[in-house]
Amino acid sequence: MRVEIDEDRCCGAGMCVLAAPEVFGQRDEDGVVILLDAAPGEEQRAAVSDAIAQCPALAITLDGAG
């Protein structure tokens, strides 16, 4: 699985960090999402899917093939 983020869309809500803290972080200066793990293991799929669902800016996408 491969996670991608669109930093330009991110509004810094932090919902992704709460849902999947091992995959997402936030920049200190503006709260924009950063990827801690762009290719998390399958054990993180539910948490990443939850983060995607909770993102108010629709800034996170998932490619299940990688």
PDB file of N, CA and C in Angstrom:
ATOM      1  N   MET A   1       0.847  -1.171   0.000  1.00  0.00           N
ATOM      2  CA  MET A   1       0.000   0.000   0.000  1.00  0.00           C
ATOM      3  C   MET A   1       0.893   1.234   0.000  1.00  0.00           C
ATOM      4  N   ARG A   2       0.468   2.241  -0.717  1.00  0.00           N
ATOM      5  CA  ARG A   2       1.232   3.486  -0.820  1.00  0.00           C
ATOM      6  C   ARG A   2       0.316   4.671  -0.499  1.00  0.00           C
ATOM      7  N   VAL A   3       0.752   5.503   0.432  1.00  0.00           N
ATOM      8  CA  VAL A   3      -0.004   6.676   0.852  1.00  0.00           C
ATOM      9  C   VAL A   3       0.600   7.911   0.195  1.00  0.00           C
ATOM     10  N   GLU A   4      -0.266   8.787  -0.282  1.00  0.00           N
ATOM     11  CA  GLU A   4       0.184  10.052  -0.841  1.00  0.00           C
ATOM     12  C   GLU A   4      -0.609  11.178  -0.198  1.00  0.00           C
ATOM     13  N   ILE A   5       0.040  12.330  -0.054  1.00  0.00           N
ATOM     14  CA  ILE A   5      -0.636  13.500   0.497  1.00  0.00           C
ATOM     15  C   ILE A   5      -0.484  14.674  -0.463  1.00  0.00           C
ATOM     16  N   ASP A   6      -1.457  15.547  -0.423  1.00  0.00           N
ATOM     17  CA  ASP A   6      -1.413  16.786  -1.193  1.00  0.00           C
ATOM     18  C   ASP A   6      -1.279  17.917  -0.175  1.00  0.00           C
ATOM     19  N   GLU A   7      -0.054  18.356   0.040  1.00  0.00           N
ATOM     20  CA  GLU A   7       0.209  19.387   1.043  1.00  0.00           C
ATOM     21  C   GLU A   7      -0.550  20.679   0.748  1.00  0.00           C
ATOM     22  N   ASP A   8      -0.789  20.968  -0.517  1.00  0.00           N
ATOM     23  CA  ASP A   8      -1.503  22.195  -0.878  1.00  0.00           C
ATOM     24  C   ASP A   8      -2.961  22.160  -0.441  1.00  0.00           C
ATOM     25  N   ARG A   9      -3.523  20.973  -0.346  1.00  0.00           N
ATOM     26  CA  ARG A   9      -4.930  20.833   0.087  1.00  0.00           C
ATOM     27  C   ARG A   9      -5.062  20.785   1.607  1.00  0.00           C
ATOM     28  N   CYS A  10      -4.020  20.351   2.294  1.00  0.00           N
ATOM     29  CA  CYS A  10      -4.084  20.137   3.740  1.00  0.00           C
ATOM     30  C   CYS A  10      -4.430  21.428   4.476  1.00  0.00           C
ATOM     31  N   CYS A  11      -5.377  21.318   5.408  1.00  0.00           N
ATOM     32  CA  CYS A  11      -5.779  22.473   6.212  1.00  0.00           C
ATOM     33  C   CYS A  11      -5.239  22.390   7.645  1.00  0.00           C
ATOM     34  N   GLY A  12      -4.463  21.348   7.942  1.00  0.00           N
ATOM     35  CA  GLY A  12      -3.832  21.228   9.249  1.00  0.00           C
ATOM     36  C   GLY A  12      -4.751  20.809  10.378  1.00  0.00           C
ATOM     37  N   ALA A  13      -5.847  20.141  10.067  1.00  0.00           N
ATOM     38  CA  ALA A  13      -6.798  19.727  11.100  1.00  0.00           C
ATOM     39  C   ALA A  13      -6.213  18.685  12.055  1.00  0.00           C
ATOM     40  N   GLY A  14      -5.303  17.851  11.559  1.00  0.00           N
ATOM     41  CA  GLY A  14      -4.644  16.865  12.404  1.00  0.00           C
ATOM     42  C   GLY A  14      -5.409  15.580  12.630  1.00  0.00           C
ATOM     43  N   MET A  15      -6.524  15.397  11.962  1.00  0.00           N
ATOM     44  CA  MET A  15      -7.313  14.184  12.151  1.00  0.00           C
ATOM     45  C   MET A  15      -6.541  12.942  11.714  1.00  0.00           C
ATOM     46  N   CYS A  16      -5.700  13.092  10.695  1.00  0.00           N
ATOM     47  CA  CYS A  16      -4.911  11.958  10.212  1.00  0.00           C
ATOM     48  C   CYS A  16      -3.904  11.507  11.270  1.00  0.00           C
ATOM     49  N   VAL A  17      -3.328  12.461  11.965  1.00  0.00           N
ATOM     50  CA  VAL A  17      -2.348  12.143  13.004  1.00  0.00           C
ATOM     51  C   VAL A  17      -3.024  11.382  14.148  1.00  0.00           C
ATOM     52  N   LEU A  18      -4.223  11.803  14.490  1.00  0.00           N
ATOM     53  CA  LEU A  18      -4.964  11.109  15.556  1.00  0.00           C
ATOM     54  C   LEU A  18      -5.343   9.695  15.124  1.00  0.00           C
ATOM     55  N   ALA A  19      -5.705   9.518  13.856  1.00  0.00           N
ATOM     56  CA  ALA A  19      -6.142   8.216  13.363  1.00  0.00           C
ATOM     57  C   ALA A  19      -4.981   7.255  13.126  1.00  0.00           C
ATOM     58  N   ALA A  20      -3.857   7.767  12.630  1.00  0.00           N
ATOM     59  CA  ALA A  20      -2.721   6.906  12.271  1.00  0.00           C
ATOM     60  C   ALA A  20      -1.403   7.612  12.600  1.00  0.00           C
ATOM     61  N   PRO A  21      -1.074   7.719  13.883  1.00  0.00           N
ATOM     62  CA  PRO A  21       0.125   8.463  14.292  1.00  0.00           C
ATOM     63  C   PRO A  21       1.445   7.854  13.838  1.00  0.00           C
ATOM     64  N   GLU A  22       1.447   6.596  13.450  1.00  0.00           N
ATOM     65  CA  GLU A  22       2.676   5.981  12.957  1.00  0.00           C
ATOM     66  C   GLU A  22       2.916   6.297  11.485  1.00  0.00           C
ATOM     67  N   VAL A  23       1.888   6.814  10.817  1.00  0.00           N
ATOM     68  CA  VAL A  23       1.975   7.101   9.389  1.00  0.00           C
ATOM     69  C   VAL A  23       2.043   8.607   9.114  1.00  0.00           C
ATOM     70  N   PHE A  24       1.325   9.400   9.904  1.00  0.00           N
ATOM     71  CA  PHE A  24       1.223  10.835   9.662  1.00  0.00           C
ATOM     72  C   PHE A  24       1.759  11.657  10.828  1.00  0.00           C
ATOM     73  N   GLY A  25       2.325  12.796  10.488  1.00  0.00           N
ATOM     74  CA  GLY A  25       2.752  13.781  11.463  1.00  0.00           C
ATOM     75  C   GLY A  25       2.332  15.146  10.955  1.00  0.00           C
ATOM     76  N   GLN A  26       2.718  16.194  11.687  1.00  0.00           N
ATOM     77  CA  GLN A  26       2.402  17.551  11.264  1.00  0.00           C
ATOM     78  C   GLN A  26       3.624  18.433  11.420  1.00  0.00           C
ATOM     79  N   ARG A  27       3.786  19.369  10.481  1.00  0.00           N
ATOM     80  CA  ARG A  27       4.869  20.333  10.586  1.00  0.00           C
ATOM     81  C   ARG A  27       4.575  21.278  11.740  1.00  0.00           C
ATOM     82  N   ASP A  28       5.588  21.577  12.518  1.00  0.00           N
ATOM     83  CA  ASP A  28       5.417  22.460  13.667  1.00  0.00           C
ATOM     84  C   ASP A  28       4.992  23.862  13.270  1.00  0.00           C
ATOM     85  N   GLU A  29       5.543  24.370  12.178  1.00  0.00           N
ATOM     86  CA  GLU A  29       5.307  25.767  11.830  1.00  0.00           C
ATOM     87  C   GLU A  29       3.902  26.077  11.322  1.00  0.00           C
ATOM     88  N   ASP A  30       3.238  25.110  10.669  1.00  0.00           N
ATOM     89  CA  ASP A  30       1.916  25.413  10.112  1.00  0.00           C
ATOM     90  C   ASP A  30       0.898  24.283  10.249  1.00  0.00           C
ATOM     91  N   GLY A  31       1.289  23.158  10.817  1.00  0.00           N
ATOM     92  CA  GLY A  31       0.356  22.053  11.030  1.00  0.00           C
ATOM     93  C   GLY A  31       0.071  21.203   9.812  1.00  0.00           C
ATOM     94  N   VAL A  32       0.713  21.504   8.684  1.00  0.00           N
ATOM     95  CA  VAL A  32       0.475  20.729   7.462  1.00  0.00           C
ATOM     96  C   VAL A  32       0.987  19.301   7.652  1.00  0.00           C
ATOM     97  N   VAL A  33       0.256  18.356   7.117  1.00  0.00           N
ATOM     98  CA  VAL A  33       0.583  16.933   7.255  1.00  0.00           C
ATOM     99  C   VAL A  33       1.937  16.601   6.624  1.00  0.00           C
ATOM    100  N   ILE A  34       2.632  15.691   7.271  1.00  0.00           N
ATOM    101  CA  ILE A  34       3.845  15.104   6.710  1.00  0.00           C
ATOM    102  C   ILE A  34       3.707  13.592   6.803  1.00  0.00           C
ATOM    103  N   LEU A  35       4.273  12.902   5.846  1.00  0.00           N
ATOM    104  CA  LEU A  35       4.243  11.444   5.854  1.00  0.00           C
ATOM    105  C   LEU A  35       5.432  10.913   6.646  1.00  0.00           C
ATOM    106  N   LEU A  36       5.154  10.135   7.648  1.00  0.00           N
ATOM    107  CA  LEU A  36       6.203   9.466   8.407  1.00  0.00           C
ATOM    108  C   LEU A  36       6.527   8.121   7.766  1.00  0.00           C
ATOM    109  N   ASP A  37       5.532   7.545   7.071  1.00  0.00           N
ATOM    110  CA  ASP A  37       5.693   6.244   6.420  1.00  0.00           C
ATOM    111  C   ASP A  37       4.822   6.215   5.172  1.00  0.00           C
ATOM    112  N   ALA A  38       5.432   6.412   4.006  1.00  0.00           N
ATOM    113  CA  ALA A  38       4.678   6.447   2.750  1.00  0.00           C
ATOM    114  C   ALA A  38       4.231   5.064   2.288  1.00  0.00           C
ATOM    115  N   ALA A  39       4.836   4.028   2.842  1.00  0.00           N
ATOM    116  CA  ALA A  39       4.478   2.658   2.455  1.00  0.00           C
ATOM    117  C   ALA A  39       4.269   1.802   3.708  1.00  0.00           C
ATOM    118  N   PRO A  40       3.232   2.122   4.479  1.00  0.00           N
ATOM    119  CA  PRO A  40       2.994   1.356   5.707  1.00  0.00           C
ATOM    120  C   PRO A  40       2.552  -0.074   5.404  1.00  0.00           C
ATOM    121  N   GLY A  41       2.743  -0.940   6.373  1.00  0.00           N
ATOM    122  CA  GLY A  41       2.335  -2.331   6.230  1.00  0.00           C
ATOM    123  C   GLY A  41       0.828  -2.488   6.282  1.00  0.00           C
ATOM    124  N   GLU A  42       0.379  -3.649   5.889  1.00  0.00           N
ATOM    125  CA  GLU A  42      -1.059  -3.947   5.863  1.00  0.00           C
ATOM    126  C   GLU A  42      -1.716  -3.768   7.227  1.00  0.00           C
ATOM    127  N   GLU A  43      -0.966  -3.923   8.293  1.00  0.00           N
ATOM    128  CA  GLU A  43      -1.531  -3.755   9.632  1.00  0.00           C
ATOM    129  C   GLU A  43      -1.980  -2.313   9.888  1.00  0.00           C
ATOM    130  N   GLN A  44      -1.527  -1.385   9.062  1.00  0.00           N
ATOM    131  CA  GLN A  44      -1.918   0.025   9.193  1.00  0.00           C
ATOM    132  C   GLN A  44      -3.075   0.406   8.266  1.00  0.00           C
ATOM    133  N   ARG A  45      -3.529  -0.520   7.435  1.00  0.00           N
ATOM    134  CA  ARG A  45      -4.553  -0.187   6.435  1.00  0.00           C
ATOM    135  C   ARG A  45      -5.817   0.403   7.074  1.00  0.00           C
ATOM    136  N   ALA A  46      -6.326  -0.182   8.117  1.00  0.00           N
ATOM    137  CA  ALA A  46      -7.557   0.323   8.741  1.00  0.00           C
ATOM    138  C   ALA A  46      -7.350   1.731   9.285  1.00  0.00           C
ATOM    139  N   ALA A  47      -6.208   1.972   9.919  1.00  0.00           N
ATOM    140  CA  ALA A  47      -5.928   3.294  10.472  1.00  0.00           C
ATOM    141  C   ALA A  47      -5.782   4.337   9.368  1.00  0.00           C
ATOM    142  N   VAL A  48      -5.101   3.981   8.280  1.00  0.00           N
ATOM    143  CA  VAL A  48      -4.935   4.908   7.156  1.00  0.00           C
ATOM    144  C   VAL A  48      -6.285   5.183   6.501  1.00  0.00           C
ATOM    145  N   SER A  49      -7.100   4.170   6.336  1.00  0.00           N
ATOM    146  CA  SER A  49      -8.433   4.354   5.758  1.00  0.00           C
ATOM    147  C   SER A  49      -9.276   5.274   6.630  1.00  0.00           C
ATOM    148  N   ASP A  50      -9.135   5.137   7.932  1.00  0.00           N
ATOM    149  CA  ASP A  50      -9.837   6.008   8.874  1.00  0.00           C
ATOM    150  C   ASP A  50      -9.340   7.447   8.723  1.00  0.00           C
ATOM    151  N   ALA A  51      -8.036   7.623   8.589  1.00  0.00           N
ATOM    152  CA  ALA A  51      -7.464   8.957   8.402  1.00  0.00           C
ATOM    153  C   ALA A  51      -7.991   9.594   7.119  1.00  0.00           C
ATOM    154  N   ILE A  52      -8.077   8.818   6.055  1.00  0.00           N
ATOM    155  CA  ILE A  52      -8.596   9.321   4.784  1.00  0.00           C
ATOM    156  C   ILE A  52     -10.049   9.765   4.951  1.00  0.00           C
ATOM    157  N   ALA A  53     -10.835   8.952   5.610  1.00  0.00           N
ATOM    158  CA  ALA A  53     -12.250   9.262   5.806  1.00  0.00           C
ATOM    159  C   ALA A  53     -12.451  10.515   6.656  1.00  0.00           C
ATOM    160  N   GLN A  54     -11.549  10.762   7.600  1.00  0.00           N
ATOM    161  CA  GLN A  54     -11.697  11.895   8.505  1.00  0.00           C
ATOM    162  C   GLN A  54     -11.078  13.189   7.984  1.00  0.00           C
ATOM    163  N   CYS A  55     -10.302  13.122   6.925  1.00  0.00           N
ATOM    164  CA  CYS A  55      -9.616  14.307   6.416  1.00  0.00           C
ATOM    165  C   CYS A  55     -10.626  15.290   5.812  1.00  0.00           C
ATOM    166  N   PRO A  56     -10.783  16.478   6.423  1.00  0.00           N
ATOM    167  CA  PRO A  56     -11.760  17.431   5.896  1.00  0.00           C
ATOM    168  C   PRO A  56     -11.340  18.056   4.561  1.00  0.00           C
ATOM    169  N   ALA A  57     -10.059  17.994   4.239  1.00  0.00           N
ATOM    170  CA  ALA A  57      -9.555  18.611   3.006  1.00  0.00           C
ATOM    171  C   ALA A  57      -9.374  17.609   1.875  1.00  0.00           C
ATOM    172  N   LEU A  58      -9.641  16.336   2.134  1.00  0.00           N
ATOM    173  CA  LEU A  58      -9.450  15.277   1.140  1.00  0.00           C
ATOM    174  C   LEU A  58      -8.030  15.303   0.576  1.00  0.00           C
ATOM    175  N   ALA A  59      -7.061  15.450   1.461  1.00  0.00           N
ATOM    176  CA  ALA A  59      -5.653  15.614   1.067  1.00  0.00           C
ATOM    177  C   ALA A  59      -4.879  14.304   1.024  1.00  0.00           C
ATOM    178  N   ILE A  60      -5.507  13.184   1.398  1.00  0.00           N
ATOM    179  CA  ILE A  60      -4.809  11.904   1.500  1.00  0.00           C
ATOM    180  C   ILE A  60      -5.399  10.923   0.490  1.00  0.00           C
ATOM    181  N   THR A  61      -4.526  10.228  -0.231  1.00  0.00           N
ATOM    182  CA  THR A  61      -4.974   9.177  -1.133  1.00  0.00           C
ATOM    183  C   THR A  61      -4.184   7.906  -0.853  1.00  0.00           C
ATOM    184  N   LEU A  62      -4.747   6.788  -1.254  1.00  0.00           N
ATOM    185  CA  LEU A  62      -4.167   5.482  -0.992  1.00  0.00           C
ATOM    186  C   LEU A  62      -4.157   4.650  -2.265  1.00  0.00           C
ATOM    187  N   ASP A  63      -3.018   4.062  -2.543  1.00  0.00           N
ATOM    188  CA  ASP A  63      -2.874   3.130  -3.654  1.00  0.00           C
ATOM    189  C   ASP A  63      -2.639   1.760  -3.044  1.00  0.00           C
ATOM    190  N   GLY A  64      -3.620   0.888  -3.105  1.00  0.00           N
ATOM    191  CA  GLY A  64      -3.530  -0.410  -2.465  1.00  0.00           C
ATOM    192  C   GLY A  64      -2.580  -1.386  -3.096  1.00  0.00           C
ATOM    193  N   ALA A  65      -2.124  -1.109  -4.291  1.00  0.00           N
ATOM    194  CA  ALA A  65      -1.274  -2.063  -5.003  1.00  0.00           C
ATOM    195  C   ALA A  65       0.147  -2.109  -4.466  1.00  0.00           C
ATOM    196  N   GLY A  66       0.658  -0.990  -3.956  1.00  0.00           N
ATOM    197  CA  GLY A  66       2.067  -0.950  -3.587  1.00  0.00           C
ATOM    198  C   GLY A  66       2.329  -1.326  -2.266  1.00  0.00           C
TER     199      GLY A  66
END
